[in-house]
C-alpha atoms as a PDB file:
ATOM      1  CA  MET A   1     102.897 116.926 -48.246  1.00  0.00           C
ATOM      2  CA  SER A   2     103.023 114.732 -51.317  1.00  0.00           C
ATOM      3  CA  LEU A   3     103.664 111.020 -50.918  1.00  0.00           C
ATOM      4  CA  ILE A   4     104.424 110.435 -54.596  1.00  0.00           C
ATOM      5  CA  GLY A   5     107.400 108.092 -54.772  1.00  0.00           C
ATOM      6  CA  LYS A   6     107.880 108.021 -51.001  1.00  0.00           C
ATOM      7  CA  ARG A   7     108.710 104.642 -49.458  1.00  0.00           C
ATOM      8  CA  VAL A   8     106.202 103.645 -46.777  1.00  0.00           C
ATOM      9  CA  VAL A   9     106.673 100.536 -44.629  1.00  0.00           C
ATOM     10  CA  VAL A  10     103.461  99.088 -43.158  1.00  0.00           C
ATOM     11  CA  ILE A  11     104.057  96.451 -40.485  1.00  0.00           C
ATOM     12  CA  GLY A  12     100.877  94.380 -40.318  1.00  0.00           C
ATOM     13  CA  GLY A  13      99.775  95.474 -43.768  1.00  0.00           C
ATOM     14  CA  THR A  14      98.152  92.195 -44.786  1.00  0.00           C
ATOM     15  CA  SER A  15      94.637  92.372 -43.339  1.00  0.00           C
ATOM     16  CA  GLY A  16      92.094  94.644 -41.708  1.00  0.00           C
ATOM     17  CA  ILE A  17      93.309  98.149 -40.890  1.00  0.00           C
ATOM     18  CA  GLY A  18      96.856  97.466 -42.101  1.00  0.00           C
ATOM     19  CA  LEU A  19      95.742  96.258 -45.514  1.00  0.00           C
ATOM     20  CA  SER A  20      93.438  99.252 -45.925  1.00  0.00           C
ATOM     21  CA  ALA A  21      96.269 101.567 -44.892  1.00  0.00           C
ATOM     22  CA  ALA A  22      98.548  99.987 -47.495  1.00  0.00           C
ATOM     23  CA  LYS A  23      95.844 100.552 -50.136  1.00  0.00           C
ATOM     24  CA  ALA A  24      95.432 104.150 -49.043  1.00  0.00           C
ATOM     25  CA  PHE A  25      99.162 104.839 -49.401  1.00  0.00           C
ATOM     26  CA  LEU A  26      99.184 103.237 -52.831  1.00  0.00           C
ATOM     27  CA  ASP A  27      96.347 105.591 -53.791  1.00  0.00           C
ATOM     28  CA  GLU A  28      98.713 108.426 -52.820  1.00  0.00           C
ATOM     29  CA  SER A  29     101.270 107.012 -55.310  1.00  0.00           C
ATOM     30  CA  ALA A  30     103.645 105.933 -52.560  1.00  0.00           C
ATOM     31  CA  GLN A  31     105.943 102.925 -52.818  1.00  0.00           C
ATOM     32  CA  VAL A  32     104.577 100.498 -50.241  1.00  0.00           C
ATOM     33  CA  ILE A  33     106.393  97.742 -48.363  1.00  0.00           C
ATOM     34  CA  ILE A  34     104.251  95.415 -46.242  1.00  0.00           C
ATOM     35  CA  ALA A  35     105.402  92.946 -43.606  1.00  0.00           C
ATOM     36  CA  SER A  36     103.634  90.241 -41.633  1.00  0.00           C
ATOM     37  CA  ARG A  37     104.250  86.955 -39.831  1.00  0.00           C
ATOM     38  CA  SER A  38     101.944  85.009 -42.156  1.00  0.00           C
ATOM     39  CA  GLU A  39     103.255  83.960 -45.570  1.00  0.00           C
ATOM     40  CA  ALA A  40      99.694  83.120 -46.647  1.00  0.00           C
ATOM     41  CA  LYS A  41      98.422  86.566 -45.706  1.00  0.00           C
ATOM     42  CA  LEU A  42     101.375  88.199 -47.449  1.00  0.00           C
ATOM     43  CA  SER A  43     100.611  86.334 -50.667  1.00  0.00           C
ATOM     44  CA  GLU A  44      96.925  87.200 -50.464  1.00  0.00           C
ATOM     45  CA  ALA A  45      97.657  90.848 -49.703  1.00  0.00           C
ATOM     46  CA  LYS A  46     100.015  91.118 -52.674  1.00  0.00           C
ATOM     47  CA  ASN A  47      97.254  89.825 -54.930  1.00  0.00           C
ATOM     48  CA  VAL A  48      94.852  92.415 -53.529  1.00  0.00           C
ATOM     49  CA  LEU A  49      97.288  95.319 -53.624  1.00  0.00           C
ATOM     50  CA  GLY A  50      99.030  94.568 -56.914  1.00  0.00           C
ATOM     51  CA  GLY A  51     102.490  93.637 -58.054  1.00  0.00           C
ATOM     52  CA  ASN A  52     104.220  96.914 -57.168  1.00  0.00           C
ATOM     53  CA  VAL A  53     104.097  96.150 -53.451  1.00  0.00           C
ATOM     54  CA  GLU A  54     107.131  94.647 -51.725  1.00  0.00           C
ATOM     55  CA  ALA A  55     106.263  92.002 -49.132  1.00  0.00           C
ATOM     56  CA  TYR A  56     108.392  90.485 -46.369  1.00  0.00           C
ATOM     57  CA  ASN A  57     107.822  87.865 -43.713  1.00  0.00           C
ATOM     58  CA  ILE A  58     108.706  89.277 -40.287  1.00  0.00           C
ATOM     59  CA  ASP A  59     107.944  88.598 -36.628  1.00  0.00           C
ATOM     60  CA  PHE A  60     108.259  92.038 -35.058  1.00  0.00           C
ATOM     61  CA  ARG A  61     108.691  90.503 -31.603  1.00  0.00           C
ATOM     62  CA  SER A  62     112.211  89.441 -32.616  1.00  0.00           C
ATOM     63  CA  GLU A  63     114.859  92.186 -32.537  1.00  0.00           C
ATOM     64  CA  GLU A  64     117.180  90.095 -34.705  1.00  0.00           C
ATOM     65  CA  LYS A  65     114.540  89.567 -37.387  1.00  0.00           C
ATOM     66  CA  LEU A  66     113.615  93.250 -37.291  1.00  0.00           C
ATOM     67  CA  ALA A  67     117.234  94.232 -37.833  1.00  0.00           C
ATOM     68  CA  ASP A  68     117.509  91.871 -40.810  1.00  0.00           C
ATOM     69  CA  PHE A  69     114.223  93.159 -42.239  1.00  0.00           C
ATOM     70  CA  PHE A  70     115.161  96.834 -42.183  1.00  0.00           C
ATOM     71  CA  LYS A  71     118.611  96.045 -43.560  1.00  0.00           C
ATOM     72  CA  MET A  72     116.879  94.404 -46.550  1.00  0.00           C
ATOM     73  CA  VAL A  73     114.461  97.324 -46.970  1.00  0.00           C
ATOM     74  CA  GLY A  74     117.160  99.990 -46.717  1.00  0.00           C
ATOM     75  CA  ASN A  75     116.406 103.679 -46.456  1.00  0.00           C
ATOM     76  CA  PHE A  76     112.737 104.629 -46.477  1.00  0.00           C
ATOM     77  CA  ASP A  77     110.515 107.585 -45.612  1.00  0.00           C
ATOM     78  CA  HIS A  78     107.609 106.603 -43.366  1.00  0.00           C
ATOM     79  CA  LEU A  79     106.920 103.806 -40.886  1.00  0.00           C
ATOM     80  CA  VAL A  80     103.401 102.653 -40.009  1.00  0.00           C
ATOM     81  CA  VAL A  81     102.772  99.867 -37.484  1.00  0.00           C
ATOM     82  CA  THR A  82      99.287  98.370 -37.263  1.00  0.00           C
ATOM     83  CA  ALA A  83     100.291  94.918 -35.985  1.00  0.00           C
ATOM     84  CA  GLY A  84      99.910  93.722 -32.427  1.00  0.00           C
ATOM     85  CA  GLU A  85      97.719  91.363 -30.446  1.00  0.00           C
ATOM     86  CA  GLY A  86      96.038  92.189 -27.148  1.00  0.00           C
ATOM     87  CA  ALA A  87      94.284  90.161 -24.458  1.00  0.00           C
ATOM     88  CA  MET A  88      90.818  90.507 -22.969  1.00  0.00           C
ATOM     89  CA  GLY A  89      89.662  89.176 -19.620  1.00  0.00           C
ATOM     90  CA  HIS A  90      88.778  90.320 -16.127  1.00  0.00           C
ATOM     91  CA  PHE A  91      91.830  91.461 -14.167  1.00  0.00           C
ATOM     92  CA  SER A  92      91.328  88.722 -11.556  1.00  0.00           C
ATOM     93  CA  ASP A  93      90.972  85.964 -14.139  1.00  0.00           C
ATOM     94  CA  LEU A  94      93.491  86.759 -16.879  1.00  0.00           C
ATOM     95  CA  PRO A  95      96.797  84.920 -16.298  1.00  0.00           C
ATOM     96  CA  VAL A  96      99.816  87.188 -15.944  1.00  0.00           C
ATOM     97  CA  ALA A  97     101.546  85.143 -18.657  1.00  0.00           C
ATOM     98  CA  ASP A  98      98.800  86.153 -21.117  1.00  0.00           C
ATOM     99  CA  VAL A  99      99.223  89.794 -20.117  1.00  0.00           C
ATOM    100  CA  ARG A 100     102.992  89.627 -20.647  1.00  0.00           C
ATOM    101  CA  GLU A 101     102.463  88.007 -24.042  1.00  0.00           C
ATOM    102  CA  ALA A 102     100.078  90.782 -25.055  1.00  0.00           C
ATOM    103  CA  PHE A 103     102.618  93.422 -23.992  1.00  0.00           C
ATOM    104  CA  ASP A 104     105.351  91.545 -25.888  1.00  0.00           C
ATOM    105  CA  SER A 105     103.230  91.775 -29.021  1.00  0.00           C
ATOM    106  CA  LYS A 106     101.446  95.111 -29.105  1.00  0.00           C
ATOM    107  CA  PHE A 107     103.741  97.280 -26.950  1.00  0.00           C
ATOM    108  CA  TRP A 108     107.215  95.769 -27.187  1.00  0.00           C
ATOM    109  CA  GLY A 109     106.678  94.797 -30.812  1.00  0.00           C
ATOM    110  CA  GLN A 110     106.038  98.424 -31.765  1.00  0.00           C
ATOM    111  CA  TYR A 111     108.807  99.681 -29.461  1.00  0.00           C
ATOM    112  CA  SER A 112     111.377  97.321 -30.990  1.00  0.00           C
ATOM    113  CA  THR A 113     110.224  98.106 -34.515  1.00  0.00           C
ATOM    114  CA  VAL A 114     110.878 101.812 -34.015  1.00  0.00           C
ATOM    115  CA  ARG A 115     114.354 101.162 -32.585  1.00  0.00           C
ATOM    116  CA  ALA A 116     115.267  98.955 -35.545  1.00  0.00           C
ATOM    117  CA  ALA A 117     113.898 101.427 -38.101  1.00  0.00           C
ATOM    118  CA  ILE A 118     115.618 104.612 -36.881  1.00  0.00           C
ATOM    119  CA  PRO A 119     118.917 104.196 -38.816  1.00  0.00           C
ATOM    120  CA  TYR A 120     116.991 104.016 -42.102  1.00  0.00           C
ATOM    121  CA  LEU A 121     114.775 107.087 -41.635  1.00  0.00           C
ATOM    122  CA  ASN A 122     115.572 110.735 -42.377  1.00  0.00           C
ATOM    123  CA  ASP A 123     114.775 114.147 -40.918  1.00  0.00           C
ATOM    124  CA  THR A 124     111.533 114.438 -42.906  1.00  0.00           C
ATOM    125  CA  SER A 125     110.326 110.959 -41.958  1.00  0.00           C
ATOM    126  CA  SER A 126     107.373 110.010 -39.782  1.00  0.00           C
ATOM    127  CA  ILE A 127     106.466 107.102 -37.526  1.00  0.00           C
ATOM    128  CA  THR A 128     102.839 106.203 -36.853  1.00  0.00           C
ATOM    129  CA  LEU A 129     101.943 103.577 -34.265  1.00  0.00           C
ATOM    130  CA  THR A 130      98.607 102.085 -33.177  1.00  0.00           C
ATOM    131  CA  SER A 131      96.920 102.064 -29.772  1.00  0.00           C
ATOM    132  CA  GLY A 132      93.143 102.067 -29.192  1.00  0.00           C
ATOM    133  CA  VAL A 133      90.196 103.741 -27.478  1.00  0.00           C
ATOM    134  CA  TYR A 134      90.351 101.311 -24.532  1.00  0.00           C
ATOM    135  CA  GLY A 135      93.313 103.360 -23.327  1.00  0.00           C
ATOM    136  CA  ILE A 136      90.822 106.160 -22.670  1.00  0.00           C
ATOM    137  CA  ARG A 137      87.558 104.373 -21.926  1.00  0.00           C
ATOM    138  CA  PRO A 138      88.033 100.697 -21.056  1.00  0.00           C
ATOM    139  CA  PRO A 139      85.027  98.424 -20.643  1.00  0.00           C
ATOM    140  CA  GLN A 140      85.066  95.600 -18.112  1.00  0.00           C
ATOM    141  CA  GLY A 141      87.655  93.021 -19.069  1.00  0.00           C
ATOM    142  CA  ALA A 142      89.905  95.471 -20.938  1.00  0.00           C
ATOM    143  CA  THR A 143      92.406  96.325 -18.191  1.00  0.00           C
ATOM    144  CA  THR A 144      95.289  94.790 -20.133  1.00  0.00           C
ATOM    145  CA  LEU A 145      94.451  96.564 -23.378  1.00  0.00           C
ATOM    146  CA  ALA A 146      93.866  99.827 -21.498  1.00  0.00           C
ATOM    147  CA  SER A 147      97.356  99.499 -20.013  1.00  0.00           C
ATOM    148  CA  ILE A 148      99.009  98.620 -23.328  1.00  0.00           C
ATOM    149  CA  ASN A 149      97.261 101.367 -25.282  1.00  0.00           C
ATOM    150  CA  SER A 150      98.068 103.966 -22.631  1.00  0.00           C
ATOM    151  CA  ALA A 151     101.706 102.865 -22.670  1.00  0.00           C
ATOM    152  CA  ILE A 152     101.848 103.258 -26.447  1.00  0.00           C
ATOM    153  CA  ASP A 153     100.300 106.732 -26.265  1.00  0.00           C
ATOM    154  CA  GLY A 154     102.932 107.719 -23.704  1.00  0.00           C
ATOM    155  CA  LEU A 155     105.708 106.174 -25.773  1.00  0.00           C
ATOM    156  CA  VAL A 156     104.671 108.299 -28.744  1.00  0.00           C
ATOM    157  CA  ARG A 157     104.789 111.519 -26.731  1.00  0.00           C
ATOM    158  CA  GLY A 158     108.302 110.686 -25.561  1.00  0.00           C
ATOM    159  CA  LEU A 159     109.516 109.580 -28.977  1.00  0.00           C
ATOM    160  CA  SER A 160     108.246 112.766 -30.612  1.00  0.00           C
ATOM    161  CA  VAL A 161     110.729 114.630 -28.405  1.00  0.00           C
ATOM    162  CA  ASP A 162     113.613 112.142 -28.457  1.00  0.00           C
ATOM    163  CA  LEU A 163     113.506 111.507 -32.219  1.00  0.00           C
ATOM    164  CA  ALA A 164     112.764 115.055 -33.415  1.00  0.00           C
ATOM    165  CA  PRO A 165     112.636 116.226 -36.159  1.00  0.00           C
ATOM    166  CA  ILE A 166     111.206 112.816 -37.109  1.00  0.00           C
ATOM    167  CA  ARG A 167     107.477 113.086 -36.419  1.00  0.00           C
ATOM    168  CA  VAL A 168     105.892 110.404 -34.228  1.00  0.00           C
ATOM    169  CA  ASN A 169     102.132 109.938 -33.849  1.00  0.00           C
ATOM    170  CA  VAL A 170      99.613 107.235 -32.981  1.00  0.00           C
ATOM    171  CA  VAL A 171      96.206 106.231 -34.319  1.00  0.00           C
ATOM    172  CA  SER A 172      93.734 105.186 -31.620  1.00  0.00           C
ATOM    173  CA  PRO A 173      90.816 103.299 -33.215  1.00  0.00           C
ATOM    174  CA  GLY A 174      87.521 102.271 -31.703  1.00  0.00           C
ATOM    175  CA  ILE A 175      85.828  99.044 -32.737  1.00  0.00           C
ATOM    176  CA  VAL A 176      86.373  98.225 -36.408  1.00  0.00           C
ATOM    177  CA  ASP A 177      84.760  95.625 -38.669  1.00  0.00           C
ATOM    178  CA  THR A 178      87.903  93.581 -39.389  1.00  0.00           C
ATOM    179  CA  PRO A 179      88.938  89.897 -39.555  1.00  0.00           C
ATOM    180  CA  LEU A 180      89.872  90.255 -35.869  1.00  0.00           C
ATOM    181  CA  TYR A 181      86.270  89.259 -35.169  1.00  0.00           C
ATOM    182  CA  GLY A 182      86.146  86.687 -37.966  1.00  0.00           C
ATOM    183  CA  GLY A 183      86.226  83.770 -35.563  1.00  0.00           C
ATOM    184  CA  MET A 184      82.806  84.666 -34.211  1.00  0.00           C
ATOM    185  CA  PRO A 185      79.672  83.171 -35.785  1.00  0.00           C
ATOM    186  CA  ASP A 186      78.337  85.621 -38.365  1.00  0.00           C
ATOM    187  CA  GLU A 187      75.056  86.282 -36.563  1.00  0.00           C
ATOM    188  CA  GLN A 188      76.813  86.851 -33.259  1.00  0.00           C
ATOM    189  CA  ARG A 189      79.301  89.222 -34.870  1.00  0.00           C
ATOM    190  CA  GLN A 190      76.588  91.237 -36.594  1.00  0.00           C
ATOM    191  CA  ASN A 191      74.632  91.481 -33.343  1.00  0.00           C
ATOM    192  CA  LEU A 192      77.772  92.745 -31.623  1.00  0.00           C
ATOM    193  CA  TYR A 193      78.276  95.411 -34.278  1.00  0.00           C
ATOM    194  CA  SER A 194      74.606  96.378 -34.191  1.00  0.00           C
ATOM    195  CA  ASN A 195      74.572  96.772 -30.416  1.00  0.00           C
ATOM    196  CA  ILE A 196      77.717  98.891 -30.454  1.00  0.00           C
ATOM    197  CA  ALA A 197      76.473 101.007 -33.366  1.00  0.00           C
ATOM    198  CA  GLN A 198      73.313 101.899 -31.441  1.00  0.00           C
ATOM    199  CA  GLN A 199      75.470 103.350 -28.654  1.00  0.00           C
ATOM    200  CA  LEU A 200      77.709 105.461 -30.899  1.00  0.00           C
ATOM    201  CA  PRO A 201      76.924 109.016 -32.030  1.00  0.00           C
ATOM    202  CA  VAL A 202      77.810 108.045 -35.622  1.00  0.00           C
ATOM    203  CA  ASN A 203      75.366 105.101 -35.419  1.00  0.00           C
ATOM    204  CA  ARG A 204      77.750 102.563 -36.993  1.00  0.00           C
ATOM    205  CA  VAL A 205      81.010 100.742 -36.363  1.00  0.00           C
ATOM    206  CA  ALA A 206      84.081 101.714 -38.346  1.00  0.00           C
ATOM    207  CA  GLN A 207      85.253 100.127 -41.555  1.00  0.00           C
ATOM    208  CA  PRO A 208      89.016  99.626 -42.029  1.00  0.00           C
ATOM    209  CA  GLU A 209      88.998 102.384 -44.652  1.00  0.00           C
ATOM    210  CA  ASP A 210      87.830 104.895 -42.015  1.00  0.00           C
ATOM    211  CA  ILE A 211      90.896 104.201 -39.914  1.00  0.00           C
ATOM    212  CA  ALA A 212      93.267 104.037 -42.894  1.00  0.00           C
ATOM    213  CA  GLU A 213      92.533 107.690 -43.649  1.00  0.00           C
ATOM    214  CA  ALA A 214      93.931 108.612 -40.227  1.00  0.00           C
ATOM    215  CA  TYR A 215      97.321 107.061 -41.017  1.00  0.00           C
ATOM    216  CA  VAL A 216      97.508 108.923 -44.313  1.00  0.00           C
ATOM    217  CA  TYR A 217      96.663 112.209 -42.579  1.00  0.00           C
ATOM    218  CA  LEU A 218      99.344 111.777 -39.923  1.00  0.00           C
ATOM    219  CA  VAL A 219     101.979 110.836 -42.483  1.00  0.00           C
ATOM    220  CA  LYS A 220     101.143 113.738 -44.793  1.00  0.00           C
ATOM    221  CA  ASN A 221     100.704 116.517 -42.229  1.00  0.00           C
ATOM    222  CA  GLY A 222     104.208 117.805 -41.561  1.00  0.00           C
ATOM    223  CA  PHE A 223     103.143 119.892 -38.554  1.00  0.00           C
ATOM    224  CA  THR A 224     101.645 117.043 -36.502  1.00  0.00           C
ATOM    225  CA  THR A 225     103.754 115.173 -33.954  1.00  0.00           C
ATOM    226  CA  GLY A 226     103.246 113.698 -30.498  1.00  0.00           C
ATOM    227  CA  THR A 227      99.548 113.351 -31.277  1.00  0.00           C
ATOM    228  CA  ALA A 228      97.109 110.520 -30.558  1.00  0.00           C
ATOM    229  CA  LEU A 229      94.424 110.647 -33.240  1.00  0.00           C
ATOM    230  CA  LEU A 230      91.249 109.143 -31.800  1.00  0.00           C
ATOM    231  CA  ILE A 231      89.014 107.558 -34.449  1.00  0.00           C
ATOM    232  CA  ASP A 232      86.286 105.945 -32.387  1.00  0.00           C
ATOM    233  CA  GLY A 233      82.944 107.220 -33.674  1.00  0.00           C
ATOM    234  CA  GLY A 234      82.450 109.063 -30.383  1.00  0.00           C
ATOM    235  CA  ALA A 235      82.842 105.966 -28.167  1.00  0.00           C
ATOM    236  CA  HIS A 236      84.754 107.941 -25.539  1.00  0.00           C
ATOM    237  CA  LEU A 237      81.689 110.181 -25.074  1.00  0.00           C
ATOM    238  CA  VAL A 238      79.091 107.515 -24.275  1.00  0.00           C
END
């Protein structure tokens, strides 16, 4: 399926996986619209991606702001959501308020985004959400993320039936070298990546571009729906 001239909305398309996904869709000659909560990140992303990209400030946790955003965008072809914050911590130690906040962001944010987008999509459209490998193989301290990611995977299976013929899929990444870990000291971050890489069959952690290719595949393949595409370097095997 060609994406030439197709309008693709990327929520969270200003850094990390989302920015790489936006680049990948531009390489397919799509018309790309990015949205993020951070005006600074939007400005920086526009400079990286080029002047043909539309950029909007949006907090996808607000149904009202989502409705206004999609009204401004109008009809479009494909929705990709890479935004969403989780929470790590042992089940006994992590405050329930932090867990609810994480669900409000990563699960309910994606849920609400889909609801707001539906009137502007068409029968050949696709929706691609984001979960993560912790939904399949959680380490200690990842109970919340395991729950959120599993909920998103289940949501996608249900949506692929309820919204048919619109295709609905989800990308489930493993650990990725993104600004998400930018707050760590450089040496500590590199040691983390090195230790994880030694455990993976592919012997490295992912780059954002690795994951971006998965979004492009799911958008372009017209016979794929209800699918969770696991891009984890084999983490679920070890």
